[in-house]
Amino acid sequence: MNLSALNTVALAMVTPGKGILAADESTGTIKKRFDAIAVESTAQNRRDYREMLFRSDGMTFISGVILYDETIRQNAADGTPLVKLIEQAGSIPGIKVDEGTQPLPGCPGETVTVGLDRLADRLAAYYALGARFAKWRAVIDLDKDRIPSMTAVHVNAHALGRYAALCQAAGLVPIVEPEVLMDGDHDIGRCFDVTRRVMNEVFRELRIQRVALEGMILKPNMVVSGQKCPVQAGVTEVADRTVQLLTECVPAAVPGVAFLSGGQSDALATAHLDAINRRGPLPWMLTFSYGRALQAAPQRVWAGRTANVPAAQRAFSHRARMTALASRGQWTTERENEAA
């Protein structure tokens, strides 16, 4: 493991004023997105859509792009590998390496993320294709009392640790993503308690498996109310609870934290990130690793039509710029309402 090289990449991924674009939707997930805008999910349409993003001015605010297996192997319409487009935009190519979730035996309603088999070989192949970081998502569901079980928290944290260790051995910076889902009717206090429990177990496993914290990025959920909770915590409380969680659980050696949006709306994910960054000083760079919160607007504008590409690129650039401002604690509603 070359820790100096890993640390250099990790620091670049959390460059001030930039964040990570999660463009790693599986074929099934992007089909759902395309169905919503009445676009057929063909390999060419998926390629054209992502090429549109990678060629936009919004890439100025993107430090890295998480790709899917199909995308990292695709070429643009002019034959240029999509990985090269990302590099030419000044961003770092990355790759999603988990293979989704499966039901966890003995734990009804809970899952474990899979994909460790032959992961070392896959990581070497992805490095050869240009990836310099990877991502693995552990999914932690919760209800008001029973879920998550100790078993689900432990097995998912263990898998994250194994994945991260294998990544560093292969020269890839691991994005460690323990996502406590925001589905359900739990309140923000329950989210805080469960996320703290998950985070402590994750860092325990990382230490056990000798992962160098200086060569990784953490991608957690924010501490928010469940989507169905009748009382939604305000932006200030979300920021306070999230910073409290990080302060209690995340070692200062971690270079940066890139939050997931987790189903929040574009504007709310931006407002929360801005409020979090207004707290401080803190020992980590705090930025974003958003998928839907960056892509929903350009997808709607694009709608699969070539004529809409310039407008869709402007929509993406506006969204990326707003989120980048939030990563510096400089976002305002006035800037949000500026024309894209």
Protein backbone atom coordinates (compact mmCIF):
# COMPACT_ATOMS: atom_id res chain seq x y z
CA MET A 1 0.00 0.00 0.00
CA ASN A 2 1.31 3.44 -0.99
CA LEU A 3 -0.35 5.58 1.70
CA SER A 4 1.13 8.82 0.37
CA ALA A 5 -0.47 8.25 -3.05
CA LEU A 6 -3.80 7.26 -1.48
CA ASN A 7 -3.78 10.34 0.74
CA THR A 8 -3.05 12.58 -2.25
CA VAL A 9 -6.09 11.21 -4.12
CA ALA A 10 -8.30 11.37 -1.03
CA LEU A 11 -7.41 15.02 -0.43
CA ALA A 12 -8.09 15.83 -4.09
CA MET A 13 -11.53 14.22 -3.78
CA VAL A 14 -12.44 16.71 -1.05
CA THR A 15 -10.88 19.79 -2.66
CA PRO A 16 -12.54 22.90 -1.20
CA GLY A 17 -15.43 24.03 -3.38
CA LYS A 18 -15.77 20.69 -5.14
CA GLY A 19 -17.58 17.40 -4.53
CA ILE A 20 -18.27 13.98 -5.97
CA LEU A 21 -20.86 13.14 -8.63
CA ALA A 22 -22.46 9.75 -7.99
CA ALA A 23 -23.19 8.56 -11.54
CA ASP A 24 -23.07 4.90 -10.53
CA GLU A 25 -26.72 3.96 -10.91
CA SER A 26 -27.14 0.30 -11.81
CA THR A 27 -28.86 -0.55 -15.07
CA GLY A 28 -32.06 -1.26 -13.14
CA THR A 29 -31.95 2.00 -11.18
CA ILE A 30 -31.26 4.24 -14.16
CA LYS A 31 -34.10 2.52 -16.01
CA LYS A 32 -36.44 3.77 -13.29
CA ARG A 33 -35.04 7.29 -13.70
CA PHE A 34 -35.43 7.11 -17.47
CA ASP A 35 -38.94 5.67 -17.21
CA ALA A 36 -39.92 8.77 -15.25
CA ILE A 37 -38.88 10.99 -18.17
CA ALA A 38 -40.16 8.61 -20.87
CA VAL A 39 -36.71 7.69 -22.21
CA GLU A 40 -35.82 4.14 -23.23
CA SER A 41 -32.94 2.80 -21.15
CA THR A 42 -30.59 1.62 -23.88
CA ALA A 43 -26.81 1.47 -23.60
CA GLN A 44 -26.53 4.37 -26.07
CA ASN A 45 -29.04 6.56 -24.22
CA ARG A 46 -27.29 5.87 -20.93
CA ARG A 47 -23.97 6.74 -22.56
CA ASP A 48 -25.34 9.91 -24.17
CA TYR A 49 -26.85 11.10 -20.92
CA ARG A 50 -23.68 10.63 -18.91
CA GLU A 51 -21.51 12.07 -21.66
CA MET A 52 -23.72 15.16 -21.54
CA LEU A 53 -22.90 15.60 -17.84
CA PHE A 54 -19.18 14.93 -18.24
CA ARG A 55 -18.89 17.54 -21.03
CA SER A 56 -20.73 20.27 -19.10
CA ASP A 57 -19.31 23.31 -17.35
CA GLY A 58 -20.66 21.84 -14.11
CA MET A 59 -17.65 19.53 -14.00
CA THR A 60 -15.71 22.57 -12.76
CA PHE A 61 -17.29 21.81 -9.37
CA ILE A 62 -16.79 18.03 -9.47
CA SER A 63 -13.68 16.48 -7.95
CA GLY A 64 -14.54 12.88 -8.75
CA VAL A 65 -17.17 10.77 -10.53
CA ILE A 66 -18.38 7.39 -9.32
CA LEU A 67 -19.06 5.17 -12.33
CA TYR A 68 -20.90 1.91 -12.91
CA ASP A 69 -19.25 -1.11 -14.53
CA GLU A 70 -20.91 -0.40 -17.88
CA THR A 71 -19.97 3.28 -17.88
CA ILE A 72 -16.28 2.89 -17.06
CA ARG A 73 -15.95 0.76 -20.20
CA GLN A 74 -17.92 3.04 -22.56
CA ASN A 75 -16.65 5.50 -25.14
CA ALA A 76 -18.21 8.84 -25.99
CA ALA A 77 -19.90 9.38 -29.35
CA ASP A 78 -16.58 10.56 -30.82
CA GLY A 79 -14.74 7.48 -29.51
CA THR A 80 -13.12 9.10 -26.49
CA PRO A 81 -13.33 6.88 -23.40
CA LEU A 82 -15.68 8.40 -20.82
CA VAL A 83 -12.90 7.98 -18.27
CA LYS A 84 -10.76 10.32 -20.37
CA LEU A 85 -13.54 12.91 -20.52
CA ILE A 86 -13.65 12.91 -16.74
CA GLU A 87 -9.89 13.28 -16.48
CA GLN A 88 -9.88 16.07 -19.08
CA ALA A 89 -12.43 17.92 -16.94
CA GLY A 90 -10.00 17.79 -14.01
CA SER A 91 -11.91 15.11 -12.11
CA ILE A 92 -10.93 11.69 -10.80
CA PRO A 93 -12.70 8.56 -12.12
CA GLY A 94 -14.03 6.11 -9.55
CA ILE A 95 -16.10 2.93 -9.57
CA LYS A 96 -18.90 1.33 -7.60
CA VAL A 97 -17.80 -2.18 -6.65
CA ASP A 98 -20.51 -3.60 -4.39
CA GLU A 99 -23.03 -5.92 -6.02
CA GLY A 100 -26.14 -4.80 -4.19
CA THR A 101 -27.88 -6.32 -1.20
CA GLN A 102 -29.31 -9.69 -0.24
CA PRO A 103 -31.67 -10.63 2.62
CA LEU A 104 -29.75 -11.27 5.83
CA PRO A 105 -30.51 -14.76 7.19
CA GLY A 106 -32.16 -14.72 10.60
CA CYS A 107 -32.86 -10.98 10.42
CA PRO A 108 -36.26 -10.36 8.79
CA GLY A 109 -36.43 -7.06 6.92
CA GLU A 110 -32.65 -6.53 6.93
CA THR A 111 -30.00 -6.92 4.26
CA VAL A 112 -26.27 -7.37 3.79
CA THR A 113 -24.25 -5.91 0.92
CA VAL A 114 -22.47 -8.52 -1.19
CA GLY A 115 -19.60 -8.53 -3.68
CA LEU A 116 -16.45 -9.45 -1.75
CA ASP A 117 -15.90 -12.62 -3.77
CA ARG A 118 -13.18 -11.98 -6.38
CA LEU A 119 -13.17 -8.30 -5.41
CA ALA A 120 -9.36 -8.14 -5.43
CA ASP A 121 -9.29 -9.21 -9.09
CA ARG A 122 -12.04 -6.74 -10.01
CA LEU A 123 -10.23 -3.89 -8.27
CA ALA A 124 -7.06 -4.57 -10.24
CA ALA A 125 -9.06 -4.52 -13.48
CA TYR A 126 -10.77 -1.25 -12.56
CA TYR A 127 -7.44 0.35 -11.70
CA ALA A 128 -6.21 -0.62 -15.18
CA LEU A 129 -9.32 1.02 -16.66
CA GLY A 130 -8.46 4.30 -14.94
CA ALA A 131 -10.32 4.22 -11.62
CA ARG A 132 -8.47 5.71 -8.66
CA PHE A 133 -11.13 5.28 -6.01
CA ALA A 134 -14.03 2.93 -5.33
CA LYS A 135 -17.33 2.91 -3.47
CA TRP A 136 -19.18 0.30 -1.39
CA ARG A 137 -22.61 1.05 0.10
CA ALA A 138 -23.88 -0.66 3.24
CA VAL A 139 -27.64 -0.24 3.66
CA ILE A 140 -28.96 0.01 7.22
CA ASP A 141 -32.72 0.16 7.59
CA LEU A 142 -34.35 1.20 10.84
CA ASP A 143 -37.68 1.35 12.56
CA LYS A 144 -38.69 2.79 15.90
CA ASP A 145 -37.40 -0.10 18.01
CA ARG A 146 -36.41 -3.49 16.50
CA ILE A 147 -34.31 -2.67 13.45
CA PRO A 148 -31.35 -2.53 12.98
CA SER A 149 -30.23 -5.66 14.77
CA MET A 150 -26.73 -6.05 16.16
CA THR A 151 -26.18 -8.69 13.48
CA ALA A 152 -27.03 -6.38 10.57
CA VAL A 153 -24.83 -3.58 11.90
CA HIS A 154 -21.89 -5.94 12.47
CA VAL A 155 -21.94 -7.87 9.18
CA ASN A 156 -22.29 -4.72 7.09
CA ALA A 157 -19.51 -2.95 8.98
CA HIS A 158 -17.29 -6.01 8.59
CA ALA A 159 -17.90 -6.05 4.82
CA LEU A 160 -17.06 -2.34 4.60
CA GLY A 161 -13.80 -3.01 6.42
CA ARG A 162 -12.84 -5.91 4.15
CA TYR A 163 -13.69 -3.88 1.05
CA ALA A 164 -11.68 -0.87 2.25
CA ALA A 165 -8.62 -2.97 3.03
CA LEU A 166 -8.75 -4.63 -0.39
CA CYS A 167 -9.11 -1.24 -2.09
CA GLN A 168 -6.05 0.19 -0.41
CA ALA A 169 -4.02 -2.89 -1.29
CA ALA A 170 -5.03 -2.34 -4.93
CA GLY A 171 -4.09 1.36 -4.90
CA LEU A 172 -7.67 2.64 -4.80
CA VAL A 173 -9.07 5.07 -2.23
CA PRO A 174 -12.15 3.48 -0.64
CA ILE A 175 -15.29 5.53 -0.16
CA VAL A 176 -16.81 3.94 2.94
CA GLU A 177 -20.58 4.41 2.76
CA PRO A 178 -22.69 3.26 5.72
CA GLU A 179 -26.15 4.59 4.83
CA VAL A 180 -28.82 4.65 7.50
CA LEU A 181 -31.94 5.01 5.40
CA MET A 182 -34.27 7.97 5.85
CA ASP A 183 -37.36 5.92 4.99
CA GLY A 184 -39.88 5.39 7.77
CA ASP A 185 -41.50 7.48 10.49
CA HIS A 186 -38.67 7.64 13.04
CA ASP A 187 -37.67 11.00 14.49
CA ILE A 188 -34.27 12.66 14.26
CA GLY A 189 -33.25 11.38 17.68
CA ARG A 190 -33.69 7.79 16.55
CA CYS A 191 -31.67 8.51 13.40
CA PHE A 192 -28.88 9.99 15.53
CA ASP A 193 -28.76 7.02 17.90
CA VAL A 194 -28.70 4.41 15.13
CA THR A 195 -26.21 6.30 12.95
CA ARG A 196 -23.86 6.72 15.92
CA ARG A 197 -24.07 3.01 16.64
CA VAL A 198 -23.37 2.15 13.00
CA MET A 199 -20.51 4.64 12.72
CA ASN A 200 -18.78 3.34 15.85
CA GLU A 201 -18.98 -0.24 14.56
CA VAL A 202 -17.67 0.78 11.13
CA PHE A 203 -14.60 2.50 12.55
CA ARG A 204 -14.02 -0.44 14.87
CA GLU A 205 -13.90 -2.75 11.84
CA LEU A 206 -11.67 -0.37 9.92
CA ARG A 207 -9.17 -0.42 12.77
CA ILE A 208 -9.35 -4.21 13.12
CA GLN A 209 -8.70 -4.66 9.40
CA ARG A 210 -5.83 -2.16 9.39
CA VAL A 211 -7.37 0.34 7.02
CA ALA A 212 -5.30 3.54 6.86
CA LEU A 213 -7.77 6.28 7.72
CA GLU A 214 -5.65 8.88 5.91
CA GLY A 215 -6.33 7.04 2.65
CA MET A 216 -10.13 6.83 2.70
CA ILE A 217 -13.23 9.01 2.42
CA LEU A 218 -16.35 8.62 4.55
CA LYS A 219 -19.76 8.88 2.85
CA PRO A 220 -22.43 8.94 5.56
CA ASN A 221 -26.05 9.97 5.74
CA MET A 222 -26.94 13.23 7.42
CA VAL A 223 -28.87 13.00 10.68
CA VAL A 224 -32.44 13.70 9.57
CA SER A 225 -36.02 12.77 10.42
CA GLY A 226 -37.59 9.82 8.65
CA GLN A 227 -39.49 10.85 5.54
CA LYS A 228 -42.80 9.78 7.10
CA CYS A 229 -42.17 11.35 10.50
CA PRO A 230 -44.98 13.85 11.24
CA VAL A 231 -42.48 16.29 12.76
CA GLN A 232 -39.58 17.10 10.44
CA ALA A 233 -36.45 18.52 12.03
CA GLY A 234 -35.40 21.90 10.70
CA VAL A 235 -32.19 22.71 8.87
CA THR A 236 -30.48 24.02 12.00
CA GLU A 237 -31.21 20.88 14.02
CA VAL A 238 -30.05 18.63 11.19
CA ALA A 239 -26.78 20.53 10.99
CA ASP A 240 -26.26 20.50 14.77
CA ARG A 241 -27.00 16.78 15.14
CA THR A 242 -24.87 15.83 12.13
CA VAL A 243 -21.85 17.78 13.35
CA GLN A 244 -22.31 16.30 16.83
CA LEU A 245 -22.29 12.82 15.30
CA LEU A 246 -19.12 13.46 13.32
CA THR A 247 -17.37 14.97 16.31
CA GLU A 248 -18.21 11.96 18.48
CA CYS A 249 -17.47 9.22 15.96
CA VAL A 250 -15.09 10.20 13.14
CA PRO A 251 -11.33 10.31 13.76
CA ALA A 252 -9.53 13.46 12.66
CA ALA A 253 -7.22 11.35 10.49
CA VAL A 254 -9.99 10.90 7.90
CA PRO A 255 -9.30 13.50 5.16
CA GLY A 256 -12.91 14.25 4.37
CA VAL A 257 -16.59 13.47 4.62
CA ALA A 258 -18.72 13.45 1.45
CA PHE A 259 -22.37 13.27 2.44
CA LEU A 260 -24.94 11.29 0.50
CA SER A 261 -28.26 13.00 -0.23
CA GLY A 262 -30.33 9.92 0.60
CA GLY A 263 -33.51 10.93 -1.21
CA GLN A 264 -33.58 14.56 -0.06
CA SER A 265 -34.75 17.15 -2.58
CA ASP A 266 -32.12 19.15 -4.46
CA ALA A 267 -32.66 22.33 -2.46
CA LEU A 268 -32.95 20.64 0.95
CA ALA A 269 -29.77 18.59 0.48
CA THR A 270 -28.00 21.82 -0.46
CA ALA A 271 -29.42 23.77 2.49
CA HIS A 272 -28.41 21.04 4.93
CA LEU A 273 -24.87 20.83 3.54
CA ASP A 274 -24.51 24.61 3.75
CA ALA A 275 -25.69 24.72 7.36
CA ILE A 276 -23.33 21.88 8.32
CA ASN A 277 -20.39 23.72 6.78
CA ARG A 278 -21.23 26.89 8.70
CA ARG A 279 -20.36 25.04 11.91
CA GLY A 280 -16.73 24.77 12.75
CA PRO A 281 -13.85 24.80 12.58
CA LEU A 282 -13.86 21.04 12.06
CA PRO A 283 -10.97 18.64 11.37
CA TRP A 284 -12.34 17.27 8.09
CA MET A 285 -13.33 18.70 4.74
CA LEU A 286 -17.12 18.34 4.47
CA THR A 287 -18.50 18.08 0.95
CA PHE A 288 -21.03 16.12 -1.13
CA SER A 289 -21.33 12.87 -3.00
CA TYR A 290 -24.78 13.32 -4.52
CA GLY A 291 -26.62 11.36 -7.18
CA ARG A 292 -30.26 12.36 -7.50
CA ALA A 293 -29.70 15.74 -5.83
CA LEU A 294 -27.38 16.68 -8.71
CA GLN A 295 -29.07 14.82 -11.55
CA ALA A 296 -32.83 15.18 -11.10
CA ALA A 297 -32.98 18.64 -12.67
CA PRO A 298 -30.83 17.92 -15.75
CA GLN A 299 -32.66 14.63 -16.34
CA ARG A 300 -36.02 16.40 -16.47
CA VAL A 301 -34.70 19.06 -18.84
CA TRP A 302 -32.88 16.59 -21.11
CA ALA A 303 -35.76 14.12 -21.53
CA GLY A 304 -33.72 12.19 -24.11
CA ARG A 305 -33.73 14.97 -26.72
CA THR A 306 -30.56 16.20 -28.38
CA ALA A 307 -32.00 19.69 -28.71
CA ASN A 308 -32.32 19.89 -24.92
CA VAL A 309 -28.67 19.08 -24.19
CA PRO A 310 -27.45 22.70 -23.74
CA ALA A 311 -30.31 23.52 -21.36
CA ALA A 312 -29.79 20.29 -19.44
CA GLN A 313 -26.08 21.05 -19.10
CA ARG A 314 -26.93 24.48 -17.73
CA ALA A 315 -29.29 22.87 -15.22
CA PHE A 316 -26.55 20.49 -14.09
CA SER A 317 -24.01 23.30 -13.88
CA HIS A 318 -26.36 25.39 -11.74
CA ARG A 319 -27.04 22.48 -9.40
CA ALA A 320 -23.32 21.63 -9.13
CA ARG A 321 -22.43 25.26 -8.46
CA MET A 322 -25.06 25.63 -5.75
CA THR A 323 -23.90 22.45 -4.03
CA ALA A 324 -20.27 23.54 -4.29
CA LEU A 325 -21.17 26.84 -2.62
CA ALA A 326 -22.85 24.85 0.16
CA SER A 327 -19.67 22.83 0.62
CA ARG A 328 -18.00 26.12 1.56
CA GLY A 329 -20.90 27.39 3.67
CA GLN A 330 -21.56 30.13 1.08
CA TRP A 331 -24.93 29.10 -0.34
CA THR A 332 -27.95 31.40 -0.04
CA THR A 333 -31.56 31.18 -1.22
CA GLU A 334 -30.89 34.23 -3.39
CA ARG A 335 -28.14 32.39 -5.23
CA GLU A 336 -30.36 29.32 -5.47
CA ASN A 337 -32.99 31.35 -7.29
CA GLU A 338 -30.56 32.75 -9.83
CA ALA A 339 -31.28 31.68 -13.39
CA ALA A 340 -29.43 28.48 -14.26
